[in-house]
Amino acid sequence: MAKVSPKKAIRRFCLTCQGGASKRVEDCEDGTCLFYNHRLGTEPETPQRSTVQQIRQYCLMCSDNNRKEVRSCGARENCALWSFRFGCTPKTWTRVKRRVNQPRKLLLPGLG
């Protein structure tokens, strides 16, 4: 899968929701949707959360606030938002995961 920005991922998600019709995405009236202000692939003038944080919130809602379910989500092939489900970009997630899983150095006082 090609690298996609969070804005494009939301746009693709909205297109899927509206049956692939750009005009229907443009005319969408569901103001309660988390992506309503992002649906045209643009950033709202006064965002309350970053785009990836909006995606994270949506994923948590989709899984009934079950973080384990978000982590093990099997919708990789079906959901345009899957890569951003942790609330950060895939590149950031890989870097953080590598740092967390790295063996820790034992620091002893007086040695060094």
PDB file of N, CA and C in Angstrom:
ATOM      1  N   MET A   1       0.839  -1.181   0.000  1.00  0.00           N
ATOM      2  CA  MET A   1       0.000   0.000   0.000  1.00  0.00           C
ATOM      3  C   MET A   1       0.883   1.244   0.000  1.00  0.00           C
ATOM      4  N   ALA A   2       0.565   2.206  -0.834  1.00  0.00           N
ATOM      5  CA  ALA A   2       1.336   3.439  -0.940  1.00  0.00           C
ATOM      6  C   ALA A   2       1.146   4.305   0.302  1.00  0.00           C
ATOM      7  N   LYS A   3       2.149   5.109   0.606  1.00  0.00           N
ATOM      8  CA  LYS A   3       2.048   6.012   1.741  1.00  0.00           C
ATOM      9  C   LYS A   3       1.018   7.092   1.431  1.00  0.00           C
ATOM     10  N   VAL A   4       0.154   7.334   2.393  1.00  0.00           N
ATOM     11  CA  VAL A   4      -0.939   8.290   2.230  1.00  0.00           C
ATOM     12  C   VAL A   4      -0.940   9.217   3.440  1.00  0.00           C
ATOM     13  N   SER A   5      -1.233  10.485   3.224  1.00  0.00           N
ATOM     14  CA  SER A   5      -1.324  11.422   4.337  1.00  0.00           C
ATOM     15  C   SER A   5      -2.631  11.187   5.095  1.00  0.00           C
ATOM     16  N   PRO A   6      -2.704  11.627   6.359  1.00  0.00           N
ATOM     17  CA  PRO A   6      -3.945  11.465   7.116  1.00  0.00           C
ATOM     18  C   PRO A   6      -5.135  12.150   6.430  1.00  0.00           C
ATOM     19  N   LYS A   7      -4.905  13.307   5.825  1.00  0.00           N
ATOM     20  CA  LYS A   7      -5.988  14.018   5.130  1.00  0.00           C
ATOM     21  C   LYS A   7      -6.521  13.188   3.968  1.00  0.00           C
ATOM     22  N   LYS A   8      -5.615  12.596   3.209  1.00  0.00           N
ATOM     23  CA  LYS A   8      -6.039  11.764   2.077  1.00  0.00           C
ATOM     24  C   LYS A   8      -6.731  10.503   2.558  1.00  0.00           C
ATOM     25  N   ALA A   9      -6.274   9.963   3.688  1.00  0.00           N
ATOM     26  CA  ALA A   9      -6.914   8.766   4.245  1.00  0.00           C
ATOM     27  C   ALA A   9      -8.363   9.073   4.633  1.00  0.00           C
ATOM     28  N   ILE A  10      -8.585  10.230   5.248  1.00  0.00           N
ATOM     29  CA  ILE A  10      -9.950  10.626   5.610  1.00  0.00           C
ATOM     30  C   ILE A  10     -10.784  10.830   4.351  1.00  0.00           C
ATOM     31  N   ARG A  11     -10.208  11.465   3.362  1.00  0.00           N
ATOM     32  CA  ARG A  11     -10.926  11.680   2.095  1.00  0.00           C
ATOM     33  C   ARG A  11     -11.335  10.335   1.488  1.00  0.00           C
ATOM     34  N   ARG A  12     -10.419   9.378   1.480  1.00  0.00           N
ATOM     35  CA  ARG A  12     -10.732   8.044   0.953  1.00  0.00           C
ATOM     36  C   ARG A  12     -11.818   7.365   1.783  1.00  0.00           C
ATOM     37  N   PHE A  13     -11.743   7.534   3.094  1.00  0.00           N
ATOM     38  CA  PHE A  13     -12.758   6.963   3.979  1.00  0.00           C
ATOM     39  C   PHE A  13     -14.133   7.540   3.646  1.00  0.00           C
ATOM     40  N   CYS A  14     -14.182   8.855   3.463  1.00  0.00           N
ATOM     41  CA  CYS A  14     -15.453   9.520   3.130  1.00  0.00           C
ATOM     42  C   CYS A  14     -15.974   9.062   1.768  1.00  0.00           C
ATOM     43  N   LEU A  15     -15.079   8.896   0.810  1.00  0.00           N
ATOM     44  CA  LEU A  15     -15.499   8.399  -0.508  1.00  0.00           C
ATOM     45  C   LEU A  15     -16.091   6.994  -0.390  1.00  0.00           C
ATOM     46  N   THR A  16     -15.466   6.154   0.431  1.00  0.00           N
ATOM     47  CA  THR A  16     -15.995   4.805   0.636  1.00  0.00           C
ATOM     48  C   THR A  16     -17.380   4.874   1.287  1.00  0.00           C
ATOM     49  N   CYS A  17     -17.516   5.733   2.280  1.00  0.00           N
ATOM     50  CA  CYS A  17     -18.788   5.899   2.983  1.00  0.00           C
ATOM     51  C   CYS A  17     -19.900   6.336   2.025  1.00  0.00           C
ATOM     52  N   GLN A  18     -19.550   7.163   1.045  1.00  0.00           N
ATOM     53  CA  GLN A  18     -20.545   7.714   0.121  1.00  0.00           C
ATOM     54  C   GLN A  18     -20.574   6.973  -1.217  1.00  0.00           C
ATOM     55  N   GLY A  19     -20.099   5.752  -1.231  1.00  0.00           N
ATOM     56  CA  GLY A  19     -20.179   4.930  -2.431  1.00  0.00           C
ATOM     57  C   GLY A  19     -19.266   5.365  -3.563  1.00  0.00           C
ATOM     58  N   GLY A  20     -18.191   6.071  -3.232  1.00  0.00           N
ATOM     59  CA  GLY A  20     -17.216   6.481  -4.237  1.00  0.00           C
ATOM     60  C   GLY A  20     -17.601   7.728  -5.009  1.00  0.00           C
ATOM     61  N   ALA A  21     -18.660   8.397  -4.612  1.00  0.00           N
ATOM     62  CA  ALA A  21     -19.138   9.580  -5.339  1.00  0.00           C
ATOM     63  C   ALA A  21     -18.640  10.867  -4.682  1.00  0.00           C
ATOM     64  N   SER A  22     -17.761  11.583  -5.381  1.00  0.00           N
ATOM     65  CA  SER A  22     -17.208  12.837  -4.855  1.00  0.00           C
ATOM     66  C   SER A  22     -18.301  13.859  -4.560  1.00  0.00           C
ATOM     67  N   LYS A  23     -19.284  13.921  -5.405  1.00  0.00           N
ATOM     68  CA  LYS A  23     -20.372  14.887  -5.234  1.00  0.00           C
ATOM     69  C   LYS A  23     -21.142  14.604  -3.946  1.00  0.00           C
ATOM     70  N   ARG A  24     -21.342  13.320  -3.639  1.00  0.00           N
ATOM     71  CA  ARG A  24     -22.052  12.964  -2.416  1.00  0.00           C
ATOM     72  C   ARG A  24     -21.227  13.319  -1.180  1.00  0.00           C
ATOM     73  N   VAL A  25     -19.910  13.184  -1.257  1.00  0.00           N
ATOM     74  CA  VAL A  25     -19.043  13.581  -0.141  1.00  0.00           C
ATOM     75  C   VAL A  25     -19.151  15.089   0.055  1.00  0.00           C
ATOM     76  N   GLU A  26     -19.106  15.818  -1.030  1.00  0.00           N
ATOM     77  CA  GLU A  26     -19.216  17.284  -0.969  1.00  0.00           C
ATOM     78  C   GLU A  26     -20.549  17.724  -0.378  1.00  0.00           C
ATOM     79  N   ASP A  27     -21.619  17.015  -0.720  1.00  0.00           N
ATOM     80  CA  ASP A  27     -22.963  17.375  -0.269  1.00  0.00           C
ATOM     81  C   ASP A  27     -23.345  16.739   1.068  1.00  0.00           C
ATOM     82  N   CYS A  28     -22.437  15.981   1.669  1.00  0.00           N
ATOM     83  CA  CYS A  28     -22.735  15.288   2.923  1.00  0.00           C
ATOM     84  C   CYS A  28     -23.243  16.276   3.965  1.00  0.00           C
ATOM     85  N   GLU A  29     -24.308  15.882   4.646  1.00  0.00           N
ATOM     86  CA  GLU A  29     -24.917  16.753   5.655  1.00  0.00           C
ATOM     87  C   GLU A  29     -24.774  16.221   7.072  1.00  0.00           C
ATOM     88  N   ASP A  30     -24.000  15.147   7.253  1.00  0.00           N
ATOM     89  CA  ASP A  30     -23.844  14.543   8.575  1.00  0.00           C
ATOM     90  C   ASP A  30     -22.844  15.336   9.405  1.00  0.00           C
ATOM     91  N   GLY A  31     -23.303  16.421   9.995  1.00  0.00           N
ATOM     92  CA  GLY A  31     -22.455  17.281  10.806  1.00  0.00           C
ATOM     93  C   GLY A  31     -21.970  16.626  12.088  1.00  0.00           C
ATOM     94  N   THR A  32     -22.531  15.472  12.469  1.00  0.00           N
ATOM     95  CA  THR A  32     -22.100  14.775  13.680  1.00  0.00           C
ATOM     96  C   THR A  32     -20.887  13.888  13.418  1.00  0.00           C
ATOM     97  N   CYS A  33     -20.558  13.646  12.162  1.00  0.00           N
ATOM     98  CA  CYS A  33     -19.412  12.810  11.812  1.00  0.00           C
ATOM     99  C   CYS A  33     -18.112  13.514  12.202  1.00  0.00           C
ATOM    100  N   LEU A  34     -17.188  12.759  12.803  1.00  0.00           N
ATOM    101  CA  LEU A  34     -15.898  13.332  13.201  1.00  0.00           C
ATOM    102  C   LEU A  34     -15.130  13.909  12.020  1.00  0.00           C
ATOM    103  N   PHE A  35     -15.397  13.388  10.836  1.00  0.00           N
ATOM    104  CA  PHE A  35     -14.638  13.795   9.658  1.00  0.00           C
ATOM    105  C   PHE A  35     -15.376  14.808   8.790  1.00  0.00           C
ATOM    106  N   TYR A  36     -16.489  15.309   9.260  1.00  0.00           N
ATOM    107  CA  TYR A  36     -17.288  16.230   8.452  1.00  0.00           C
ATOM    108  C   TYR A  36     -16.451  17.414   7.955  1.00  0.00           C
ATOM    109  N   ASN A  37     -15.681  18.028   8.828  1.00  0.00           N
ATOM    110  CA  ASN A  37     -14.868  19.186   8.441  1.00  0.00           C
ATOM    111  C   ASN A  37     -13.623  18.814   7.652  1.00  0.00           C
ATOM    112  N   HIS A  38     -13.295  17.531   7.604  1.00  0.00           N
ATOM    113  CA  HIS A  38     -12.111  17.053   6.894  1.00  0.00           C
ATOM    114  C   HIS A  38     -12.474  16.376   5.570  1.00  0.00           C
ATOM    115  N   ARG A  39     -13.755  16.190   5.301  1.00  0.00           N
ATOM    116  CA  ARG A  39     -14.209  15.329   4.207  1.00  0.00           C
ATOM    117  C   ARG A  39     -13.729  15.747   2.825  1.00  0.00           C
ATOM    118  N   LEU A  40     -13.397  17.003   2.652  1.00  0.00           N
ATOM    119  CA  LEU A  40     -12.951  17.479   1.338  1.00  0.00           C
ATOM    120  C   LEU A  40     -11.436  17.435   1.190  1.00  0.00           C
ATOM    121  N   GLY A  41     -10.770  16.834   2.156  1.00  0.00           N
ATOM    122  CA  GLY A  41      -9.316  16.696   2.089  1.00  0.00           C
ATOM    123  C   GLY A  41      -8.583  17.942   2.546  1.00  0.00           C
ATOM    124  N   THR A  42      -9.281  18.788   3.283  1.00  0.00           N
ATOM    125  CA  THR A  42      -8.670  20.024   3.770  1.00  0.00           C
ATOM    126  C   THR A  42      -8.692  20.033   5.299  1.00  0.00           C
ATOM    127  N   GLU A  43      -7.925  20.914   5.858  1.00  0.00           N
ATOM    128  CA  GLU A  43      -7.862  21.085   7.315  1.00  0.00           C
ATOM    129  C   GLU A  43      -8.857  22.176   7.707  1.00  0.00           C
ATOM    130  N   PRO A  44      -9.673  21.959   8.756  1.00  0.00           N
ATOM    131  CA  PRO A  44     -10.591  23.011   9.199  1.00  0.00           C
ATOM    132  C   PRO A  44      -9.826  24.245   9.660  1.00  0.00           C
ATOM    133  N   GLU A  45     -10.467  25.389   9.607  1.00  0.00           N
ATOM    134  CA  GLU A  45      -9.808  26.647   9.989  1.00  0.00           C
ATOM    135  C   GLU A  45      -9.353  26.619  11.449  1.00  0.00           C
ATOM    136  N   THR A  46     -10.193  26.121  12.338  1.00  0.00           N
ATOM    137  CA  THR A  46      -9.839  26.043  13.759  1.00  0.00           C
ATOM    138  C   THR A  46     -10.006  24.601  14.232  1.00  0.00           C
ATOM    139  N   PRO A  47      -9.009  23.755  13.954  1.00  0.00           N
ATOM    140  CA  PRO A  47      -9.130  22.347  14.359  1.00  0.00           C
ATOM    141  C   PRO A  47      -9.050  22.199  15.874  1.00  0.00           C
ATOM    142  N   GLN A  48      -9.930  21.359  16.419  1.00  0.00           N
ATOM    143  CA  GLN A  48      -9.882  21.078  17.855  1.00  0.00           C
ATOM    144  C   GLN A  48      -8.824  20.023  18.147  1.00  0.00           C
ATOM    145  N   ARG A  49      -8.600  19.135  17.192  1.00  0.00           N
ATOM    146  CA  ARG A  49      -7.605  18.071  17.308  1.00  0.00           C
ATOM    147  C   ARG A  49      -6.890  17.943  15.980  1.00  0.00           C
ATOM    148  N   SER A  50      -5.702  17.355  16.029  1.00  0.00           N
ATOM    149  CA  SER A  50      -4.995  17.105  14.782  1.00  0.00           C
ATOM    150  C   SER A  50      -5.744  16.030  13.997  1.00  0.00           C
ATOM    151  N   THR A  51      -5.428  15.919  12.735  1.00  0.00           N
ATOM    152  CA  THR A  51      -6.090  14.954  11.867  1.00  0.00           C
ATOM    153  C   THR A  51      -5.904  13.530  12.377  1.00  0.00           C
ATOM    154  N   VAL A  52      -4.687  13.177  12.774  1.00  0.00           N
ATOM    155  CA  VAL A  52      -4.450  11.815  13.260  1.00  0.00           C
ATOM    156  C   VAL A  52      -5.144  11.571  14.597  1.00  0.00           C
ATOM    157  N   GLN A  53      -5.293  12.586  15.417  1.00  0.00           N
ATOM    158  CA  GLN A  53      -6.026  12.435  16.669  1.00  0.00           C
ATOM    159  C   GLN A  53      -7.513  12.210  16.397  1.00  0.00           C
ATOM    160  N   GLN A  54      -8.042  12.842  15.369  1.00  0.00           N
ATOM    161  CA  GLN A  54      -9.442  12.615  14.968  1.00  0.00           C
ATOM    162  C   GLN A  54      -9.618  11.164  14.538  1.00  0.00           C
ATOM    163  N   ILE A  55      -8.643  10.656  13.787  1.00  0.00           N
ATOM    164  CA  ILE A  55      -8.715   9.265  13.335  1.00  0.00           C
ATOM    165  C   ILE A  55      -8.657   8.330  14.541  1.00  0.00           C
ATOM    166  N   ARG A  56      -7.781   8.595  15.484  1.00  0.00           N
ATOM    167  CA  ARG A  56      -7.679   7.781  16.700  1.00  0.00           C
ATOM    168  C   ARG A  56      -9.014   7.760  17.438  1.00  0.00           C
ATOM    169  N   GLN A  57      -9.629   8.919  17.580  1.00  0.00           N
ATOM    170  CA  GLN A  57     -10.907   9.007  18.270  1.00  0.00           C
ATOM    171  C   GLN A  57     -11.966   8.172  17.540  1.00  0.00           C
ATOM    172  N   TYR A  58     -11.974   8.240  16.221  1.00  0.00           N
ATOM    173  CA  TYR A  58     -12.923   7.455  15.443  1.00  0.00           C
ATOM    174  C   TYR A  58     -12.688   5.959  15.661  1.00  0.00           C
ATOM    175  N   CYS A  59     -11.424   5.535  15.626  1.00  0.00           N
ATOM    176  CA  CYS A  59     -11.103   4.117  15.812  1.00  0.00           C
ATOM    177  C   CYS A  59     -11.537   3.630  17.188  1.00  0.00           C
ATOM    178  N   LEU A  60     -11.349   4.450  18.214  1.00  0.00           N
ATOM    179  CA  LEU A  60     -11.799   4.080  19.551  1.00  0.00           C
ATOM    180  C   LEU A  60     -13.322   3.962  19.593  1.00  0.00           C
ATOM    181  N   MET A  61     -14.014   4.884  18.938  1.00  0.00           N
ATOM    182  CA  MET A  61     -15.480   4.800  18.883  1.00  0.00           C
ATOM    183  C   MET A  61     -15.924   3.546  18.142  1.00  0.00           C
ATOM    184  N   CYS A  62     -15.245   3.217  17.066  1.00  0.00           N
ATOM    185  CA  CYS A  62     -15.576   2.045  16.263  1.00  0.00           C
ATOM    186  C   CYS A  62     -15.423   0.756  17.077  1.00  0.00           C
ATOM    187  N   SER A  63     -14.492   0.750  18.024  1.00  0.00           N
ATOM    188  CA  SER A  63     -14.220  -0.449  18.828  1.00  0.00           C
ATOM    189  C   SER A  63     -14.812  -0.354  20.232  1.00  0.00           C
ATOM    190  N   ASP A  64     -15.776   0.529  20.433  1.00  0.00           N
ATOM    191  CA  ASP A  64     -16.407   0.706  21.758  1.00  0.00           C
ATOM    192  C   ASP A  64     -15.389   1.034  22.843  1.00  0.00           C
ATOM    193  N   ASN A  65     -14.446   1.913  22.527  1.00  0.00           N
ATOM    194  CA  ASN A  65     -13.390   2.362  23.443  1.00  0.00           C
ATOM    195  C   ASN A  65     -12.506   1.226  23.957  1.00  0.00           C
ATOM    196  N   ASN A  66     -12.330   0.201  23.164  1.00  0.00           N
ATOM    197  CA  ASN A  66     -11.488  -0.927  23.522  1.00  0.00           C
ATOM    198  C   ASN A  66     -10.133  -0.777  22.817  1.00  0.00           C
ATOM    199  N   ARG A  67      -9.125  -0.354  23.558  1.00  0.00           N
ATOM    200  CA  ARG A  67      -7.799  -0.102  22.978  1.00  0.00           C
ATOM    201  C   ARG A  67      -7.171  -1.361  22.399  1.00  0.00           C
ATOM    202  N   LYS A  68      -7.390  -2.508  23.059  1.00  0.00           N
ATOM    203  CA  LYS A  68      -6.845  -3.768  22.541  1.00  0.00           C
ATOM    204  C   LYS A  68      -7.453  -4.090  21.185  1.00  0.00           C
ATOM    205  N   GLU A  69      -8.731  -3.795  21.035  1.00  0.00           N
ATOM    206  CA  GLU A  69      -9.394  -4.056  19.766  1.00  0.00           C
ATOM    207  C   GLU A  69      -8.856  -3.144  18.661  1.00  0.00           C
ATOM    208  N   VAL A  70      -8.551  -1.900  19.007  1.00  0.00           N
ATOM    209  CA  VAL A  70      -7.951  -0.981  18.032  1.00  0.00           C
ATOM    210  C   VAL A  70      -6.588  -1.515  17.609  1.00  0.00           C
ATOM    211  N   ARG A  71      -5.805  -1.966  18.579  1.00  0.00           N
ATOM    212  CA  ARG A  71      -4.462  -2.485  18.288  1.00  0.00           C
ATOM    213  C   ARG A  71      -4.518  -3.698  17.364  1.00  0.00           C
ATOM    214  N   SER A  72      -5.481  -4.587  17.603  1.00  0.00           N
ATOM    215  CA  SER A  72      -5.567  -5.815  16.813  1.00  0.00           C
ATOM    216  C   SER A  72      -6.566  -5.718  15.658  1.00  0.00           C
ATOM    217  N   CYS A  73      -6.947  -4.513  15.300  1.00  0.00           N
ATOM    218  CA  CYS A  73      -7.947  -4.302  14.243  1.00  0.00           C
ATOM    219  C   CYS A  73      -7.561  -5.051  12.966  1.00  0.00           C
ATOM    220  N   GLY A  74      -8.510  -5.795  12.432  1.00  0.00           N
ATOM    221  CA  GLY A  74      -8.265  -6.591  11.235  1.00  0.00           C
ATOM    222  C   GLY A  74      -8.738  -5.939   9.952  1.00  0.00           C
ATOM    223  N   ALA A  75      -9.075  -4.671   9.995  1.00  0.00           N
ATOM    224  CA  ALA A  75      -9.626  -3.993   8.823  1.00  0.00           C
ATOM    225  C   ALA A  75      -8.554  -3.384   7.919  1.00  0.00           C
ATOM    226  N   ARG A  76      -7.348  -3.882   7.989  1.00  0.00           N
ATOM    227  CA  ARG A  76      -6.227  -3.318   7.228  1.00  0.00           C
ATOM    228  C   ARG A  76      -6.550  -3.113   5.747  1.00  0.00           C
ATOM    229  N   GLU A  77      -7.150  -4.093   5.122  1.00  0.00           N
ATOM    230  CA  GLU A  77      -7.436  -4.016   3.682  1.00  0.00           C
ATOM    231  C   GLU A  77      -8.705  -3.219   3.377  1.00  0.00           C
ATOM    232  N   ASN A  78      -9.582  -3.064   4.374  1.00  0.00           N
ATOM    233  CA  ASN A  78     -10.892  -2.457   4.124  1.00  0.00           C
ATOM    234  C   ASN A  78     -11.042  -1.025   4.615  1.00  0.00           C
ATOM    235  N   CYS A  79     -10.141  -0.559   5.440  1.00  0.00           N
ATOM    236  CA  CYS A  79     -10.307   0.763   6.056  1.00  0.00           C
ATOM    237  C   CYS A  79      -9.138   1.679   5.703  1.00  0.00           C
ATOM    238  N   ALA A  80      -9.456   2.817   5.119  1.00  0.00           N
ATOM    239  CA  ALA A  80      -8.430   3.793   4.726  1.00  0.00           C
ATOM    240  C   ALA A  80      -7.731   4.407   5.938  1.00  0.00           C
ATOM    241  N   LEU A  81      -8.337   4.300   7.106  1.00  0.00           N
ATOM    242  CA  LEU A  81      -7.800   4.925   8.313  1.00  0.00           C
ATOM    243  C   LEU A  81      -6.886   4.015   9.120  1.00  0.00           C
ATOM    244  N   TRP A  82      -6.803   2.747   8.752  1.00  0.00           N
ATOM    245  CA  TRP A  82      -6.121   1.727   9.550  1.00  0.00           C
ATOM    246  C   TRP A  82      -4.704   2.125   9.942  1.00  0.00           C
ATOM    247  N   SER A  83      -3.937   2.698   9.051  1.00  0.00           N
ATOM    248  CA  SER A  83      -2.529   3.040   9.322  1.00  0.00           C
ATOM    249  C   SER A  83      -2.370   4.112  10.399  1.00  0.00           C
ATOM    250  N   PHE A  84      -3.427   4.875  10.648  1.00  0.00           N
ATOM    251  CA  PHE A  84      -3.349   5.990  11.600  1.00  0.00           C
ATOM    252  C   PHE A  84      -4.114   5.709  12.888  1.00  0.00           C
ATOM    253  N   ARG A  85      -4.499   4.453  13.127  1.00  0.00           N
ATOM    254  CA  ARG A  85      -5.370   4.095  14.248  1.00  0.00           C
ATOM    255  C   ARG A  85      -4.755   4.364  15.614  1.00  0.00           C
ATOM    256  N   PHE A  86      -3.431   4.516  15.705  1.00  0.00           N
ATOM    257  CA  PHE A  86      -2.780   4.780  16.985  1.00  0.00           C
ATOM    258  C   PHE A  86      -2.689   6.276  17.306  1.00  0.00           C
ATOM    259  N   GLY A  87      -3.176   7.125  16.438  1.00  0.00           N
ATOM    260  CA  GLY A  87      -3.147   8.562  16.695  1.00  0.00           C
ATOM    261  C   GLY A  87      -1.847   9.228  16.298  1.00  0.00           C
ATOM    262  N   CYS A  88      -1.068   8.556  15.448  1.00  0.00           N
ATOM    263  CA  CYS A  88       0.171   9.126  14.920  1.00  0.00           C
ATOM    264  C   CYS A  88       0.414   8.536  13.534  1.00  0.00           C
ATOM    265  N   THR A  89       1.390   9.065  12.850  1.00  0.00           N
ATOM    266  CA  THR A  89       1.690   8.543  11.519  1.00  0.00           C
ATOM    267  C   THR A  89       2.397   7.195  11.649  1.00  0.00           C
ATOM    268  N   PRO A  90       2.325   6.361  10.633  1.00  0.00           N
ATOM    269  CA  PRO A  90       3.003   5.061  10.697  1.00  0.00           C
ATOM    270  C   PRO A  90       4.506   5.192  10.947  1.00  0.00           C
ATOM    271  N   LYS A  91       5.132   6.216  10.382  1.00  0.00           N
ATOM    272  CA  LYS A  91       6.565   6.428  10.574  1.00  0.00           C
ATOM    273  C   LYS A  91       6.878   6.710  12.049  1.00  0.00           C
ATOM    274  N   THR A  92       6.069   7.558  12.669  1.00  0.00           N
ATOM    275  CA  THR A  92       6.254   7.867  14.087  1.00  0.00           C
ATOM    276  C   THR A  92       6.034   6.629  14.934  1.00  0.00           C
ATOM    277  N   TRP A  93       4.992   5.859  14.624  1.00  0.00           N
ATOM    278  CA  TRP A  93       4.697   4.649  15.389  1.00  0.00           C
ATOM    279  C   TRP A  93       5.857   3.655  15.322  1.00  0.00           C
ATOM    280  N   THR A  94       6.430   3.488  14.156  1.00  0.00           N
ATOM    281  CA  THR A  94       7.560   2.569  13.989  1.00  0.00           C
ATOM    282  C   THR A  94       8.746   3.023  14.827  1.00  0.00           C
ATOM    283  N   ARG A  95       9.023   4.320  14.831  1.00  0.00           N
ATOM    284  CA  ARG A  95      10.144   4.870  15.598  1.00  0.00           C
ATOM    285  C   ARG A  95       9.920   4.680  17.102  1.00  0.00           C
ATOM    286  N   VAL A  96       8.703   4.946  17.572  1.00  0.00           N
ATOM    287  CA  VAL A  96       8.390   4.801  18.996  1.00  0.00           C
ATOM    288  C   VAL A  96       8.456   3.335  19.401  1.00  0.00           C
ATOM    289  N   LYS A  97       7.895   2.458  18.584  1.00  0.00           N
ATOM    290  CA  LYS A  97       7.891   1.030  18.884  1.00  0.00           C
ATOM    291  C   LYS A  97       9.317   0.491  18.975  1.00  0.00           C
ATOM    292  N   ARG A  98      10.181   0.939  18.058  1.00  0.00           N
ATOM    293  CA  ARG A  98      11.575   0.506  18.071  1.00  0.00           C
ATOM    294  C   ARG A  98      12.273   0.972  19.353  1.00  0.00           C
ATOM    295  N   ARG A  99      12.008   2.216  19.768  1.00  0.00           N
ATOM    296  CA  ARG A  99      12.632   2.756  20.965  1.00  0.00           C
ATOM    297  C   ARG A  99      12.141   2.034  22.228  1.00  0.00           C
ATOM    298  N   VAL A 100      10.849   1.742  22.300  1.00  0.00           N
ATOM    299  CA  VAL A 100      10.277   1.078  23.467  1.00  0.00           C
ATOM    300  C   VAL A 100      10.763  -0.361  23.576  1.00  0.00           C
ATOM    301  N   ASN A 101      10.915  -1.043  22.459  1.00  0.00           N
ATOM    302  CA  ASN A 101      11.329  -2.446  22.471  1.00  0.00           C
ATOM    303  C   ASN A 101      12.837  -2.641  22.559  1.00  0.00           C
ATOM    304  N   GLN A 102      13.592  -1.565  22.544  1.00  0.00           N
ATOM    305  CA  GLN A 102      15.043  -1.623  22.610  1.00  0.00           C
ATOM    306  C   GLN A 102      15.472  -2.053  24.015  1.00  0.00           C
ATOM    307  N   PRO A 103      16.504  -2.920  24.135  1.00  0.00           N
ATOM    308  CA  PRO A 103      16.967  -3.319  25.464  1.00  0.00           C
ATOM    309  C   PRO A 103      17.490  -2.108  26.240  1.00  0.00           C
ATOM    310  N   ARG A 104      17.170  -2.072  27.499  1.00  0.00           N
ATOM    311  CA  ARG A 104      17.578  -0.948  28.343  1.00  0.00           C
ATOM    312  C   ARG A 104      18.989  -1.163  28.859  1.00  0.00           C
ATOM    313  N   LYS A 105      19.740  -0.082  28.930  1.00  0.00           N
ATOM    314  CA  LYS A 105      21.096  -0.136  29.495  1.00  0.00           C
ATOM    315  C   LYS A 105      21.003  -0.013  31.011  1.00  0.00           C
ATOM    316  N   LEU A 106      21.734  -0.821  31.707  1.00  0.00           N
ATOM    317  CA  LEU A 106      21.756  -0.786  33.154  1.00  0.00           C
ATOM    318  C   LEU A 106      22.741   0.296  33.602  1.00  0.00           C
ATOM    319  N   LEU A 107      22.249   1.252  34.330  1.00  0.00           N
ATOM    320  CA  LEU A 107      23.097   2.339  34.823  1.00  0.00           C
ATOM    321  C   LEU A 107      23.382   2.122  36.298  1.00  0.00           C
ATOM    322  N   LEU A 108      24.655   1.956  36.597  1.00  0.00           N
ATOM    323  CA  LEU A 108      25.057   1.772  38.003  1.00  0.00           C
ATOM    324  C   LEU A 108      25.762   3.025  38.472  1.00  0.00           C
ATOM    325  N   PRO A 109      25.433   3.505  39.674  1.00  0.00           N
ATOM    326  CA  PRO A 109      26.077   4.716  40.179  1.00  0.00           C
ATOM    327  C   PRO A 109      27.575   4.494  40.406  1.00  0.00           C
ATOM    328  N   GLY A 110      28.368   5.479  40.077  1.00  0.00           N
ATOM    329  CA  GLY A 110      29.805   5.420  40.287  1.00  0.00           C
ATOM    330  C   GLY A 110      30.585   4.773  39.176  1.00  0.00           C
ATOM    331  N   LEU A 111      29.886   4.186  38.190  1.00  0.00           N
ATOM    332  CA  LEU A 111      30.577   3.580  37.062  1.00  0.00           C
ATOM    333  C   LEU A 111      30.344   4.461  35.831  1.00  0.00           C
ATOM    334  N   GLY A 112      31.337   4.664  35.116  1.00  0.00           N
ATOM    335  CA  GLY A 112      31.007   5.353  33.932  1.00  0.00           C
ATOM    336  C   GLY A 112      31.903   6.226  33.311  1.00  0.00           C
TER     337      GLY A 112
END
